[in-house]
Amino acid sequence: MILGILAALSGAIAVAAGAFGAHGASGLAQEWLKTGGQYQLVHAVAALVALRMNAPGPGWLFVIGGAVFAGTLYAMACGAPHWLGAITPVGGAALIGGWLWLAWSLRG
């Protein structure tokens, strides 16, 4: 239940970030918002699919990884120090881990 709520909220945040990137930002900030929004939205949906498949583990990695990956990009787009970019790959690793876990969950 909590995972589904967080995945849905993650999707909403992704759409808001993407819209802000498209209409209220420019340059590198625009790219960060676009990239963060795209990855977060895809993984919010993936988390809901994983939850529906009764595979919450990968879903949690999708939500947490998406929050870390996109969150660091959003923060930098809003003026946070660029050293946060060193944390972004941690979120990416969680996203990759989620896909691998999901694949493992689907084995026959």
N, C-alpha and C. Protein backbone atom coordinates (compact mmCIF):
# COMPACT_ATOMS: atom_id res chain seq x y z
N MET A 1 0.83 -1.19 0.00
CA MET A 1 0.00 0.00 0.00
C MET A 1 0.87 1.25 0.00
N ILE A 2 1.83 1.33 0.94
CA ILE A 2 2.72 2.49 1.01
C ILE A 2 3.54 2.60 -0.27
N LEU A 3 4.03 1.47 -0.77
CA LEU A 3 4.82 1.49 -2.00
C LEU A 3 4.00 2.06 -3.15
N GLY A 4 2.76 1.64 -3.28
CA GLY A 4 1.90 2.15 -4.35
C GLY A 4 1.67 3.65 -4.23
N ILE A 5 1.45 4.12 -3.02
CA ILE A 5 1.25 5.56 -2.80
C ILE A 5 2.52 6.33 -3.18
N LEU A 6 3.67 5.83 -2.73
CA LEU A 6 4.93 6.50 -3.04
C LEU A 6 5.23 6.48 -4.54
N ALA A 7 4.90 5.38 -5.20
CA ALA A 7 5.10 5.31 -6.65
C ALA A 7 4.22 6.32 -7.37
N ALA A 8 2.98 6.44 -6.94
CA ALA A 8 2.07 7.41 -7.56
C ALA A 8 2.54 8.84 -7.32
N LEU A 9 2.98 9.12 -6.09
CA LEU A 9 3.52 10.46 -5.80
C LEU A 9 4.79 10.73 -6.60
N SER A 10 5.60 9.70 -6.77
CA SER A 10 6.81 9.83 -7.58
C SER A 10 6.46 10.21 -9.01
N GLY A 11 5.43 9.59 -9.55
CA GLY A 11 4.98 9.94 -10.89
C GLY A 11 4.52 11.38 -10.99
N ALA A 12 3.79 11.84 -9.98
CA ALA A 12 3.32 13.22 -9.97
C ALA A 12 4.50 14.21 -9.91
N ILE A 13 5.47 13.90 -9.08
CA ILE A 13 6.66 14.77 -8.97
C ILE A 13 7.41 14.79 -10.29
N ALA A 14 7.51 13.64 -10.95
CA ALA A 14 8.21 13.56 -12.23
C ALA A 14 7.54 14.44 -13.28
N VAL A 15 6.23 14.40 -13.34
CA VAL A 15 5.51 15.22 -14.31
C VAL A 15 5.71 16.71 -14.00
N ALA A 16 5.64 17.07 -12.72
CA ALA A 16 5.85 18.47 -12.33
C ALA A 16 7.26 18.94 -12.68
N ALA A 17 8.25 18.10 -12.41
CA ALA A 17 9.63 18.47 -12.72
C ALA A 17 9.83 18.61 -14.23
N GLY A 18 9.27 17.68 -14.99
CA GLY A 18 9.38 17.77 -16.44
C GLY A 18 8.70 19.01 -16.99
N ALA A 19 7.54 19.35 -16.44
CA ALA A 19 6.84 20.55 -16.89
C ALA A 19 7.64 21.81 -16.55
N PHE A 20 8.21 21.84 -15.36
CA PHE A 20 9.03 23.00 -14.98
C PHE A 20 10.25 23.09 -15.89
N GLY A 21 10.84 21.93 -16.19
CA GLY A 21 11.98 21.93 -17.10
C GLY A 21 11.63 22.43 -18.49
N ALA A 22 10.44 22.09 -18.95
CA ALA A 22 10.02 22.48 -20.29
C ALA A 22 9.61 23.95 -20.36
N HIS A 23 9.10 24.49 -19.26
CA HIS A 23 8.52 25.83 -19.32
C HIS A 23 9.15 26.86 -18.39
N GLY A 24 9.98 26.44 -17.44
CA GLY A 24 10.48 27.42 -16.48
C GLY A 24 11.98 27.40 -16.26
N ALA A 25 12.69 26.59 -17.02
CA ALA A 25 14.13 26.48 -16.81
C ALA A 25 14.83 26.54 -18.16
N SER A 26 16.12 26.75 -18.11
CA SER A 26 16.90 26.79 -19.35
C SER A 26 18.28 26.20 -19.09
N GLY A 27 18.98 25.95 -20.17
CA GLY A 27 20.34 25.47 -20.07
C GLY A 27 20.45 24.12 -19.39
N LEU A 28 21.49 23.99 -18.58
CA LEU A 28 21.77 22.73 -17.90
C LEU A 28 20.65 22.36 -16.93
N ALA A 29 20.06 23.34 -16.26
CA ALA A 29 18.95 23.06 -15.34
C ALA A 29 17.80 22.40 -16.08
N GLN A 30 17.51 22.87 -17.28
CA GLN A 30 16.44 22.28 -18.08
C GLN A 30 16.74 20.82 -18.40
N GLU A 31 17.98 20.53 -18.76
CA GLU A 31 18.36 19.15 -19.07
C GLU A 31 18.27 18.25 -17.84
N TRP A 32 18.71 18.75 -16.71
CA TRP A 32 18.63 17.96 -15.47
C TRP A 32 17.19 17.64 -15.12
N LEU A 33 16.31 18.63 -15.25
CA LEU A 33 14.90 18.41 -14.93
C LEU A 33 14.27 17.42 -15.92
N LYS A 34 14.62 17.55 -17.18
CA LYS A 34 14.09 16.65 -18.19
C LYS A 34 14.56 15.21 -17.93
N THR A 35 15.85 15.04 -17.71
CA THR A 35 16.39 13.71 -17.47
C THR A 35 15.82 13.10 -16.18
N GLY A 36 15.83 13.88 -15.11
CA GLY A 36 15.29 13.39 -13.84
C GLY A 36 13.83 13.01 -13.96
N GLY A 37 13.05 13.86 -14.62
CA GLY A 37 11.63 13.57 -14.78
C GLY A 37 11.37 12.32 -15.60
N GLN A 38 12.13 12.14 -16.66
CA GLN A 38 11.96 10.97 -17.50
C GLN A 38 12.28 9.69 -16.74
N TYR A 39 13.40 9.66 -16.06
CA TYR A 39 13.78 8.46 -15.32
C TYR A 39 12.83 8.20 -14.16
N GLN A 40 12.45 9.25 -13.44
CA GLN A 40 11.57 9.06 -12.30
C GLN A 40 10.21 8.56 -12.74
N LEU A 41 9.68 9.09 -13.84
CA LEU A 41 8.36 8.67 -14.30
C LEU A 41 8.37 7.21 -14.75
N VAL A 42 9.36 6.83 -15.53
CA VAL A 42 9.45 5.44 -15.99
C VAL A 42 9.51 4.49 -14.79
N HIS A 43 10.29 4.87 -13.78
CA HIS A 43 10.47 3.96 -12.65
C HIS A 43 9.31 4.01 -11.66
N ALA A 44 8.54 5.09 -11.67
CA ALA A 44 7.30 5.10 -10.88
C ALA A 44 6.33 4.07 -11.46
N VAL A 45 6.22 4.05 -12.77
CA VAL A 45 5.35 3.07 -13.42
C VAL A 45 5.90 1.65 -13.19
N ALA A 46 7.21 1.49 -13.32
CA ALA A 46 7.81 0.17 -13.09
C ALA A 46 7.53 -0.31 -11.66
N ALA A 47 7.57 0.60 -10.70
CA ALA A 47 7.28 0.22 -9.31
C ALA A 47 5.84 -0.26 -9.17
N LEU A 48 4.92 0.41 -9.84
CA LEU A 48 3.52 -0.02 -9.78
C LEU A 48 3.33 -1.38 -10.45
N VAL A 49 4.04 -1.61 -11.55
CA VAL A 49 3.98 -2.91 -12.22
C VAL A 49 4.54 -3.99 -11.29
N ALA A 50 5.70 -3.70 -10.69
CA ALA A 50 6.30 -4.68 -9.78
C ALA A 50 5.36 -4.99 -8.61
N LEU A 51 4.73 -3.97 -8.10
CA LEU A 51 3.78 -4.17 -7.00
C LEU A 51 2.63 -5.04 -7.45
N ARG A 52 2.13 -4.78 -8.64
CA ARG A 52 1.01 -5.56 -9.18
C ARG A 52 1.42 -7.02 -9.41
N MET A 53 2.70 -7.23 -9.70
CA MET A 53 3.22 -8.58 -9.92
C MET A 53 3.58 -9.27 -8.61
N ASN A 54 3.27 -8.61 -7.50
CA ASN A 54 3.61 -9.14 -6.19
C ASN A 54 5.13 -9.29 -6.02
N ALA A 55 5.86 -8.29 -6.53
CA ALA A 55 7.32 -8.24 -6.40
C ALA A 55 7.70 -6.89 -5.82
N PRO A 56 7.36 -6.64 -4.55
CA PRO A 56 7.59 -5.31 -3.99
C PRO A 56 9.07 -4.94 -3.85
N GLY A 57 9.96 -5.92 -3.72
CA GLY A 57 11.38 -5.60 -3.57
C GLY A 57 11.91 -4.73 -4.70
N PRO A 58 11.74 -5.18 -5.95
CA PRO A 58 12.18 -4.33 -7.05
C PRO A 58 11.45 -2.98 -7.08
N GLY A 59 10.19 -3.00 -6.70
CA GLY A 59 9.43 -1.75 -6.66
C GLY A 59 10.05 -0.73 -5.72
N TRP A 60 10.50 -1.21 -4.56
CA TRP A 60 11.16 -0.30 -3.61
C TRP A 60 12.45 0.26 -4.20
N LEU A 61 13.21 -0.59 -4.89
CA LEU A 61 14.43 -0.08 -5.52
C LEU A 61 14.11 0.96 -6.58
N PHE A 62 13.03 0.75 -7.33
CA PHE A 62 12.63 1.72 -8.34
C PHE A 62 12.25 3.06 -7.71
N VAL A 63 11.48 3.02 -6.63
CA VAL A 63 11.05 4.27 -5.99
C VAL A 63 12.23 4.98 -5.31
N ILE A 64 13.00 4.24 -4.55
CA ILE A 64 14.13 4.85 -3.84
C ILE A 64 15.20 5.30 -4.82
N GLY A 65 15.53 4.44 -5.78
CA GLY A 65 16.53 4.82 -6.78
C GLY A 65 16.10 6.01 -7.60
N GLY A 66 14.82 6.04 -7.96
CA GLY A 66 14.30 7.18 -8.71
C GLY A 66 14.36 8.46 -7.91
N ALA A 67 14.07 8.36 -6.62
CA ALA A 67 14.12 9.55 -5.77
C ALA A 67 15.55 10.08 -5.64
N VAL A 68 16.50 9.18 -5.48
CA VAL A 68 17.90 9.60 -5.35
C VAL A 68 18.42 10.14 -6.68
N PHE A 69 18.19 9.37 -7.74
CA PHE A 69 18.68 9.78 -9.06
C PHE A 69 18.09 11.13 -9.47
N ALA A 70 16.77 11.19 -9.51
CA ALA A 70 16.11 12.41 -9.95
C ALA A 70 16.25 13.52 -8.92
N GLY A 71 16.17 13.17 -7.64
CA GLY A 71 16.25 14.19 -6.60
C GLY A 71 17.54 14.98 -6.63
N THR A 72 18.65 14.30 -6.88
CA THR A 72 19.92 15.03 -6.96
C THR A 72 19.95 15.94 -8.18
N LEU A 73 19.40 15.47 -9.30
CA LEU A 73 19.34 16.31 -10.49
C LEU A 73 18.42 17.52 -10.26
N TYR A 74 17.28 17.29 -9.63
CA TYR A 74 16.36 18.40 -9.34
C TYR A 74 17.02 19.42 -8.42
N ALA A 75 17.71 18.92 -7.42
CA ALA A 75 18.36 19.83 -6.47
C ALA A 75 19.40 20.69 -7.17
N MET A 76 20.20 20.07 -8.03
CA MET A 76 21.21 20.86 -8.75
C MET A 76 20.55 21.85 -9.70
N ALA A 77 19.43 21.46 -10.31
CA ALA A 77 18.72 22.37 -11.20
C ALA A 77 18.18 23.58 -10.44
N CYS A 78 17.94 23.39 -9.15
CA CYS A 78 17.42 24.48 -8.32
C CYS A 78 18.53 25.24 -7.59
N GLY A 79 19.79 24.95 -7.93
CA GLY A 79 20.89 25.72 -7.37
C GLY A 79 21.74 25.03 -6.33
N ALA A 80 21.45 23.79 -6.02
CA ALA A 80 22.27 23.07 -5.04
C ALA A 80 23.67 22.84 -5.61
N PRO A 81 24.65 22.59 -4.75
CA PRO A 81 26.01 22.39 -5.23
C PRO A 81 26.13 21.21 -6.20
N HIS A 82 26.99 21.36 -7.18
CA HIS A 82 27.14 20.34 -8.21
C HIS A 82 27.79 19.06 -7.70
N TRP A 83 28.38 19.07 -6.52
CA TRP A 83 28.94 17.83 -5.97
C TRP A 83 27.85 16.79 -5.72
N LEU A 84 26.60 17.22 -5.67
CA LEU A 84 25.49 16.25 -5.53
C LEU A 84 25.45 15.29 -6.71
N GLY A 85 26.01 15.74 -7.84
CA GLY A 85 26.06 14.88 -9.01
C GLY A 85 26.83 13.59 -8.75
N ALA A 86 27.70 13.60 -7.74
CA ALA A 86 28.43 12.39 -7.39
C ALA A 86 27.53 11.35 -6.73
N ILE A 87 26.38 11.78 -6.23
CA ILE A 87 25.44 10.87 -5.57
C ILE A 87 24.45 10.29 -6.59
N THR A 88 24.24 10.98 -7.68
CA THR A 88 23.27 10.56 -8.70
C THR A 88 23.47 9.10 -9.13
N PRO A 89 24.71 8.65 -9.38
CA PRO A 89 24.89 7.25 -9.80
C PRO A 89 24.46 6.22 -8.75
N VAL A 90 24.40 6.60 -7.50
CA VAL A 90 23.90 5.68 -6.47
C VAL A 90 22.43 5.34 -6.77
N GLY A 91 21.68 6.37 -7.11
CA GLY A 91 20.29 6.15 -7.51
C GLY A 91 20.19 5.31 -8.77
N GLY A 92 21.08 5.60 -9.73
CA GLY A 92 21.10 4.82 -10.97
C GLY A 92 21.40 3.35 -10.70
N ALA A 93 22.32 3.09 -9.79
CA ALA A 93 22.64 1.71 -9.44
C ALA A 93 21.44 1.01 -8.82
N ALA A 94 20.68 1.72 -8.00
CA ALA A 94 19.47 1.14 -7.42
C ALA A 94 18.44 0.82 -8.51
N LEU A 95 18.33 1.70 -9.50
CA LEU A 95 17.40 1.44 -10.60
C LEU A 95 17.81 0.19 -11.39
N ILE A 96 19.10 0.08 -11.68
CA ILE A 96 19.59 -1.11 -12.37
C ILE A 96 19.33 -2.35 -11.52
N GLY A 97 19.60 -2.24 -10.22
CA GLY A 97 19.33 -3.35 -9.32
C GLY A 97 17.87 -3.75 -9.31
N GLY A 98 16.99 -2.78 -9.38
CA GLY A 98 15.56 -3.07 -9.44
C GLY A 98 15.20 -3.88 -10.68
N TRP A 99 15.77 -3.49 -11.82
CA TRP A 99 15.49 -4.24 -13.05
C TRP A 99 16.04 -5.65 -12.98
N LEU A 100 17.24 -5.80 -12.42
CA LEU A 100 17.82 -7.14 -12.30
C LEU A 100 17.00 -8.01 -11.34
N TRP A 101 16.57 -7.40 -10.23
CA TRP A 101 15.75 -8.13 -9.26
C TRP A 101 14.42 -8.53 -9.90
N LEU A 102 13.84 -7.60 -10.68
CA LEU A 102 12.59 -7.92 -11.34
C LEU A 102 12.77 -9.08 -12.32
N ALA A 103 13.87 -9.05 -13.07
CA ALA A 103 14.15 -10.15 -13.98
C ALA A 103 14.29 -11.47 -13.23
N TRP A 104 14.97 -11.43 -12.11
CA TRP A 104 15.14 -12.64 -11.28
C TRP A 104 13.77 -13.13 -10.78
N SER A 105 12.91 -12.19 -10.43
CA SER A 105 11.57 -12.54 -9.94
C SER A 105 10.74 -13.22 -11.01
N LEU A 106 11.03 -12.95 -12.27
CA LEU A 106 10.23 -13.49 -13.37
C LEU A 106 10.71 -14.85 -13.87
N ARG A 107 11.81 -15.31 -13.33
CA ARG A 107 12.33 -16.61 -13.81
C ARG A 107 11.28 -17.70 -13.54
N GLY A 108 11.26 -18.66 -14.37
CA GLY A 108 10.26 -19.69 -14.29
C GLY A 108 10.59 -20.69 -13.25
